[in-house]
Amino acid sequence: MDDLQRHFYRLHFRTAFLERKGAAFEDLFSRIMGHAYPGDFEPVRPYGKLGDLKCDGYRASDKTVFQCYGPSTPTLDKLLAKIRRDFKGAVAHWADRMMRWSLVHNSDSGLPAPATQLLADFRQSHPDLYVGETGYAELFDTAMGLAVPKLEDLFGPVPSQRTLASLDFEALRPVVTSIQRMDPGGAPPLLAPSPSKLAANDLSDDAAGMLRLGRRREPLVEAFLDRYPDPSFGEEIAQGFRERYRVLKNEGRSSEAIFVALQDFAGGMFGTAARQAAVLAVLSYFFERCDIFEDHPKGTKGA
């Protein structure tokens, strides 16, 4: 996996982790674990009146019972009740088949203190049982340890640096012309790369990395626009980016959310790797040339 693929897949994982709730989050967890532990991790689905016996997935090698919790609107009371109910049920249903119990949750900032205390209480009351949690960091490490073919199965194909290097005019044409037809007030976003501009916008390392790599193909985008029959074509697209950026900024979105939304505005990161490389190149080009994202005021550090 090269740097560009890594940036794409890290961003895809973070987006999926934060956006998928309920059954969708459970499915994401099961698919990642299935790829990471083939033949060892066994996803568990509810079966009629039996339900799932308080287990969403079982790793046979170390007898770990995983229980997922990824609600759309979490509350502390519901979380604590869920943990108590699931742990008690797992102990009853799995008995000697369980040596480890792990709560899988979708809070990227960690569990609230009362939930951590509850897990500590379980360890004290069940000293022979490992009790832990699987959150963002653990699942991220598992997902990013997968080989590219497995990441493609989870998140789809992404461009490599070789894809970007082989970009040509024909790949750019449908991306650039489709942006011209976009409604700036319509849908979502993205972000991008000079060192001062990246620093001023608090972009994630992955978003910044993608923009830096995308800049390598800016000359191709520039040449495409220079040769276009309508000399005002590039400025029309730049204006579209400016207007879309203002809409997103006024909505109070974070830099990361704006970056993703501008990706969508530029065509979206889906489809073939070549198409996504073209979208990235166009986005990087206009990041530097129109007023999307903030820049350091002249005379300040980094400007």
Protein backbone atom coordinates (compact mmCIF):
# COMPACT_ATOMS: atom_id res chain seq x y z
CA MET A 1 0.00 0.00 0.00
CA ASP A 2 1.49 3.38 -0.96
CA ASP A 3 0.95 6.70 0.84
CA LEU A 4 -1.99 7.81 -1.30
CA GLN A 5 -3.87 4.54 -0.79
CA ARG A 6 -3.15 4.74 2.94
CA HIS A 7 -4.59 8.29 3.18
CA PHE A 8 -7.71 7.25 1.27
CA TYR A 9 -8.36 4.14 3.33
CA ARG A 10 -7.74 5.87 6.66
CA LEU A 11 -10.27 8.54 5.69
CA HIS A 12 -12.74 5.91 4.47
CA PHE A 13 -12.42 4.03 7.76
CA ARG A 14 -12.91 7.15 9.88
CA THR A 15 -15.97 8.18 7.87
CA ALA A 16 -17.50 4.70 8.16
CA PHE A 17 -16.75 4.44 11.87
CA LEU A 18 -18.40 7.78 12.66
CA GLU A 19 -21.37 7.53 10.30
CA ARG A 20 -22.55 3.92 10.61
CA LYS A 21 -24.96 3.32 13.47
CA GLY A 22 -26.82 0.36 14.89
CA ALA A 23 -26.87 -2.68 12.60
CA ALA A 24 -24.65 -0.89 10.05
CA PHE A 25 -21.95 -0.39 12.69
CA GLU A 26 -22.22 -4.01 13.76
CA ASP A 27 -21.86 -5.08 10.14
CA LEU A 28 -18.75 -2.89 9.71
CA PHE A 29 -17.19 -4.48 12.80
CA SER A 30 -18.00 -8.02 11.70
CA ARG A 31 -16.61 -7.52 8.20
CA ILE A 32 -13.34 -6.01 9.46
CA MET A 33 -12.89 -8.80 12.01
CA GLY A 34 -13.83 -11.45 9.44
CA HIS A 35 -11.04 -10.21 7.16
CA ALA A 36 -8.55 -9.86 10.03
CA TYR A 37 -9.23 -13.28 11.57
CA PRO A 38 -10.46 -15.56 8.77
CA GLY A 39 -11.50 -18.94 10.09
CA ASP A 40 -11.19 -17.68 13.67
CA PHE A 41 -13.70 -14.84 14.04
CA GLU A 42 -17.30 -15.96 13.69
CA PRO A 43 -20.01 -13.32 13.25
CA VAL A 44 -23.21 -14.07 15.18
CA ARG A 45 -26.67 -13.11 13.97
CA PRO A 46 -29.94 -13.24 15.94
CA TYR A 47 -31.94 -16.42 15.35
CA GLY A 48 -35.64 -16.32 16.10
CA LYS A 49 -36.60 -16.30 19.77
CA LEU A 50 -33.05 -17.28 20.76
CA GLY A 51 -31.71 -13.92 19.64
CA ASP A 52 -27.89 -13.73 19.58
CA LEU A 53 -27.27 -15.04 23.12
CA LYS A 54 -25.64 -11.66 23.89
CA CYS A 55 -22.89 -12.14 21.35
CA ASP A 56 -22.35 -10.26 18.08
CA GLY A 57 -19.12 -12.07 17.23
CA TYR A 58 -16.95 -14.85 18.66
CA ARG A 59 -13.19 -15.35 18.26
CA ALA A 60 -12.56 -19.01 18.88
CA SER A 61 -8.77 -18.90 19.40
CA ASP A 62 -9.00 -16.91 22.63
CA LYS A 63 -12.70 -17.45 23.39
CA THR A 64 -13.61 -13.77 23.09
CA VAL A 65 -17.26 -12.74 23.03
CA PHE A 66 -17.77 -9.35 21.34
CA GLN A 67 -20.88 -7.28 21.95
CA CYS A 68 -21.54 -4.20 19.76
CA TYR A 69 -23.15 -0.93 20.79
CA GLY A 70 -23.34 1.85 18.18
CA PRO A 71 -26.50 3.89 18.78
CA SER A 72 -27.50 6.98 16.81
CA THR A 73 -28.32 8.95 19.98
CA PRO A 74 -26.38 7.50 22.92
CA THR A 75 -27.36 8.30 26.49
CA LEU A 76 -25.47 7.34 29.63
CA ASP A 77 -28.41 5.52 31.21
CA LYS A 78 -29.00 3.40 28.11
CA LEU A 79 -25.30 2.68 27.75
CA LEU A 80 -24.91 1.47 31.34
CA ALA A 81 -28.08 -0.62 31.14
CA LYS A 82 -26.89 -2.16 27.87
CA ILE A 83 -23.46 -3.05 29.29
CA ARG A 84 -24.99 -4.65 32.43
CA ARG A 85 -27.56 -6.61 30.44
CA ASP A 86 -25.12 -7.85 27.79
CA PHE A 87 -22.34 -8.82 30.18
CA LYS A 88 -24.70 -10.69 32.51
CA GLY A 89 -26.30 -12.46 29.54
CA ALA A 90 -22.93 -13.41 28.01
CA VAL A 91 -21.71 -14.91 31.30
CA ALA A 92 -24.91 -16.96 31.56
CA HIS A 93 -25.07 -18.12 27.93
CA TRP A 94 -21.39 -18.73 27.16
CA ALA A 95 -20.05 -19.91 30.53
CA ASP A 96 -16.79 -21.86 29.98
CA ARG A 97 -16.84 -21.02 26.29
CA MET A 98 -15.93 -17.41 27.18
CA MET A 99 -12.53 -16.32 28.53
CA ARG A 100 -12.70 -12.71 27.27
CA TRP A 101 -15.56 -10.23 26.89
CA SER A 102 -15.22 -7.04 24.86
CA LEU A 103 -17.63 -4.14 24.43
CA VAL A 104 -17.41 -2.81 20.85
CA HIS A 105 -18.54 0.82 20.68
CA ASN A 106 -18.51 3.69 18.18
CA SER A 107 -17.39 6.53 20.45
CA ASP A 108 -14.12 7.87 19.03
CA SER A 109 -13.50 9.91 22.19
CA GLY A 110 -13.77 6.95 24.59
CA LEU A 111 -16.36 5.78 27.08
CA PRO A 112 -17.81 7.99 29.82
CA ALA A 113 -16.29 7.47 33.28
CA PRO A 114 -19.27 5.53 34.76
CA ALA A 115 -19.00 3.01 31.92
CA THR A 116 -15.27 2.58 32.53
CA GLN A 117 -16.00 2.10 36.23
CA LEU A 118 -18.58 -0.54 35.38
CA LEU A 119 -16.04 -2.49 33.31
CA ALA A 120 -13.62 -2.25 36.25
CA ASP A 121 -16.34 -3.65 38.54
CA PHE A 122 -16.81 -6.60 36.17
CA ARG A 123 -13.08 -7.35 36.30
CA GLN A 124 -13.19 -7.34 40.09
CA SER A 125 -16.24 -9.57 40.30
CA HIS A 126 -14.95 -11.95 37.57
CA PRO A 127 -11.15 -12.15 38.09
CA ASP A 128 -10.77 -15.15 35.78
CA LEU A 129 -12.37 -13.29 32.88
CA TYR A 130 -10.68 -10.65 30.71
CA VAL A 131 -13.03 -7.68 30.32
CA GLY A 132 -12.20 -4.92 27.86
CA GLU A 133 -13.43 -2.65 25.09
CA THR A 134 -12.91 -2.34 21.35
CA GLY A 135 -13.18 1.30 20.29
CA TYR A 136 -11.86 3.51 17.51
CA ALA A 137 -8.14 2.89 18.12
CA GLU A 138 -8.42 -0.89 18.32
CA LEU A 139 -10.66 -1.21 15.27
CA PHE A 140 -8.54 1.28 13.31
CA ASP A 141 -5.37 -0.74 13.95
CA THR A 142 -7.15 -3.92 12.89
CA ALA A 143 -8.54 -2.39 9.69
CA MET A 144 -5.31 -0.66 8.66
CA GLY A 145 -3.41 -3.91 9.16
CA LEU A 146 -5.38 -5.51 6.33
CA ALA A 147 -3.95 -6.03 2.86
CA VAL A 148 -5.21 -3.84 0.00
CA PRO A 149 -7.51 -6.51 -1.54
CA LYS A 150 -9.35 -6.81 1.77
CA LEU A 151 -9.58 -3.02 2.16
CA GLU A 152 -10.98 -2.87 -1.37
CA ASP A 153 -13.65 -5.35 -0.36
CA LEU A 154 -14.54 -3.21 2.67
CA PHE A 155 -14.33 0.30 1.21
CA GLY A 156 -13.96 -0.08 -2.55
CA PRO A 157 -10.98 0.67 -4.83
CA VAL A 158 -8.92 3.83 -4.31
CA PRO A 159 -6.24 5.42 -6.50
CA SER A 160 -2.57 4.63 -5.96
CA GLN A 161 0.32 6.95 -6.75
CA ARG A 162 0.78 5.00 -9.97
CA THR A 163 -2.86 5.70 -10.88
CA LEU A 164 -2.29 9.40 -10.24
CA ALA A 165 0.90 9.42 -12.31
CA SER A 166 -0.85 7.84 -15.29
CA LEU A 167 -3.73 10.34 -15.29
CA ASP A 168 -4.53 11.82 -18.69
CA PHE A 169 -6.81 14.41 -20.27
CA GLU A 170 -9.54 11.92 -21.02
CA ALA A 171 -9.81 10.95 -17.35
CA LEU A 172 -10.04 14.63 -16.37
CA ARG A 173 -12.64 15.63 -18.95
CA PRO A 174 -15.79 14.09 -17.38
CA VAL A 175 -14.78 15.24 -13.88
CA VAL A 176 -14.13 18.85 -14.82
CA THR A 177 -17.17 19.19 -17.04
CA SER A 178 -19.45 17.65 -14.40
CA ILE A 179 -18.25 20.16 -11.77
CA GLN A 180 -19.31 22.97 -14.11
CA ARG A 181 -22.88 21.70 -13.90
CA MET A 182 -22.96 21.39 -10.11
CA ASP A 183 -25.24 23.54 -8.00
CA PRO A 184 -22.98 25.17 -5.37
CA GLY A 185 -25.86 25.35 -2.92
CA GLY A 186 -26.69 21.68 -3.26
CA ALA A 187 -24.67 19.01 -1.56
CA PRO A 188 -21.38 18.22 0.20
CA PRO A 189 -17.54 18.79 0.37
CA LEU A 190 -13.62 18.57 0.71
CA LEU A 191 -10.25 20.32 1.47
CA ALA A 192 -6.44 20.74 0.59
CA PRO A 193 -2.52 21.80 0.43
CA SER A 194 0.09 24.65 0.56
CA PRO A 195 1.90 24.25 3.90
CA SER A 196 0.56 27.55 5.22
CA LYS A 197 -2.97 26.89 4.03
CA LEU A 198 -2.98 23.36 5.39
CA ALA A 199 -1.74 24.59 8.76
CA ALA A 200 -4.33 27.38 8.87
CA ASN A 201 -7.25 24.98 8.40
CA ASP A 202 -6.47 22.25 10.92
CA LEU A 203 -6.97 19.51 8.36
CA SER A 204 -6.31 15.91 9.28
CA ASP A 205 -3.02 14.34 8.24
CA ASP A 206 -4.86 12.16 5.76
CA ALA A 207 -6.76 15.01 4.11
CA ALA A 208 -3.56 17.05 3.91
CA GLY A 209 -1.63 14.06 2.55
CA MET A 210 -4.17 13.45 -0.16
CA LEU A 211 -4.02 17.08 -1.25
CA ARG A 212 -0.24 17.13 -1.29
CA LEU A 213 -0.12 14.06 -3.50
CA GLY A 214 -2.91 15.39 -5.68
CA ARG A 215 -0.88 18.53 -6.39
CA ARG A 216 1.57 16.44 -8.39
CA ARG A 217 -1.00 16.37 -11.16
CA GLU A 218 -1.97 20.02 -11.00
CA PRO A 219 0.04 20.84 -14.15
CA LEU A 220 -2.16 18.40 -16.05
CA VAL A 221 -5.32 20.12 -14.78
CA GLU A 222 -3.86 23.50 -15.64
CA ALA A 223 -2.94 22.38 -19.16
CA PHE A 224 -6.44 20.94 -19.61
CA LEU A 225 -8.06 24.24 -18.67
CA ASP A 226 -5.61 26.28 -20.79
CA ARG A 227 -6.55 24.28 -23.87
CA TYR A 228 -10.28 24.35 -23.20
CA PRO A 229 -12.18 26.29 -25.91
CA ASP A 230 -13.88 28.59 -23.38
CA PRO A 231 -11.18 30.66 -21.58
CA SER A 232 -13.58 31.47 -18.71
CA PHE A 233 -14.23 27.78 -17.99
CA GLY A 234 -11.68 27.48 -15.17
CA GLU A 235 -12.94 30.60 -13.43
CA GLU A 236 -16.52 29.33 -13.57
CA ILE A 237 -15.47 26.17 -11.76
CA ALA A 238 -13.42 28.16 -9.24
CA GLN A 239 -16.49 30.30 -8.50
CA GLY A 240 -18.54 27.16 -7.97
CA PHE A 241 -16.02 25.94 -5.40
CA ARG A 242 -16.04 29.32 -3.63
CA GLU A 243 -19.81 29.40 -3.36
CA ARG A 244 -20.01 25.81 -2.18
CA TYR A 245 -17.30 26.47 0.40
CA ARG A 246 -19.17 29.51 1.76
CA VAL A 247 -22.37 27.48 2.14
CA LEU A 248 -20.54 24.77 4.08
CA LYS A 249 -18.61 27.28 6.17
CA ASN A 250 -21.79 29.13 7.08
CA GLU A 251 -23.32 25.83 8.19
CA GLY A 252 -20.61 25.67 10.83
CA ARG A 253 -19.03 22.46 9.57
CA SER A 254 -15.58 21.41 10.67
CA SER A 255 -12.64 21.52 8.27
CA GLU A 256 -12.73 17.74 8.02
CA ALA A 257 -16.45 17.74 7.18
CA ILE A 258 -15.95 20.50 4.61
CA PHE A 259 -13.13 18.52 3.02
CA VAL A 260 -15.35 15.48 2.59
CA ALA A 261 -18.20 17.64 1.27
CA LEU A 262 -15.93 19.33 -1.28
CA GLN A 263 -14.75 15.91 -2.40
CA ASP A 264 -18.36 15.15 -3.19
CA PHE A 265 -18.74 18.50 -4.95
CA ALA A 266 -15.73 17.65 -7.13
CA GLY A 267 -17.32 14.38 -8.14
CA GLY A 268 -17.11 12.11 -5.10
CA MET A 269 -14.59 9.45 -4.19
CA PHE A 270 -16.26 6.44 -5.76
CA GLY A 271 -16.05 4.51 -9.00
CA THR A 272 -12.78 3.48 -10.60
CA ALA A 273 -9.40 4.35 -9.13
CA ALA A 274 -8.61 6.45 -12.22
CA ARG A 275 -11.77 8.51 -11.78
CA GLN A 276 -11.01 9.14 -8.09
CA ALA A 277 -7.47 10.19 -9.01
CA ALA A 278 -8.92 12.73 -11.46
CA VAL A 279 -11.24 14.10 -8.77
CA LEU A 280 -8.33 14.44 -6.35
CA ALA A 281 -6.17 16.24 -8.92
CA VAL A 282 -8.94 18.73 -9.70
CA LEU A 283 -9.67 19.32 -6.04
CA SER A 284 -6.00 19.93 -5.22
CA TYR A 285 -5.71 22.35 -8.12
CA PHE A 286 -8.63 24.51 -7.04
CA PHE A 287 -7.69 24.33 -3.38
CA GLU A 288 -4.71 26.50 -4.18
CA ARG A 289 -6.36 28.74 -6.75
CA CYS A 290 -9.65 29.81 -5.29
CA ASP A 291 -10.91 30.96 -1.96
CA ILE A 292 -11.78 27.65 -0.35
CA PHE A 293 -10.44 27.18 3.15
CA GLU A 294 -8.59 29.81 5.07
CA ASP A 295 -5.05 31.03 4.48
CA HIS A 296 -2.63 32.63 6.91
CA PRO A 297 -2.92 36.41 6.74
CA LYS A 298 0.14 37.91 5.13
CA GLY A 299 2.87 38.75 7.62
CA THR A 300 1.86 36.01 10.08
CA LYS A 301 3.84 32.87 10.78
CA GLY A 302 3.35 30.30 8.03
CA ALA A 303 2.20 32.82 5.41
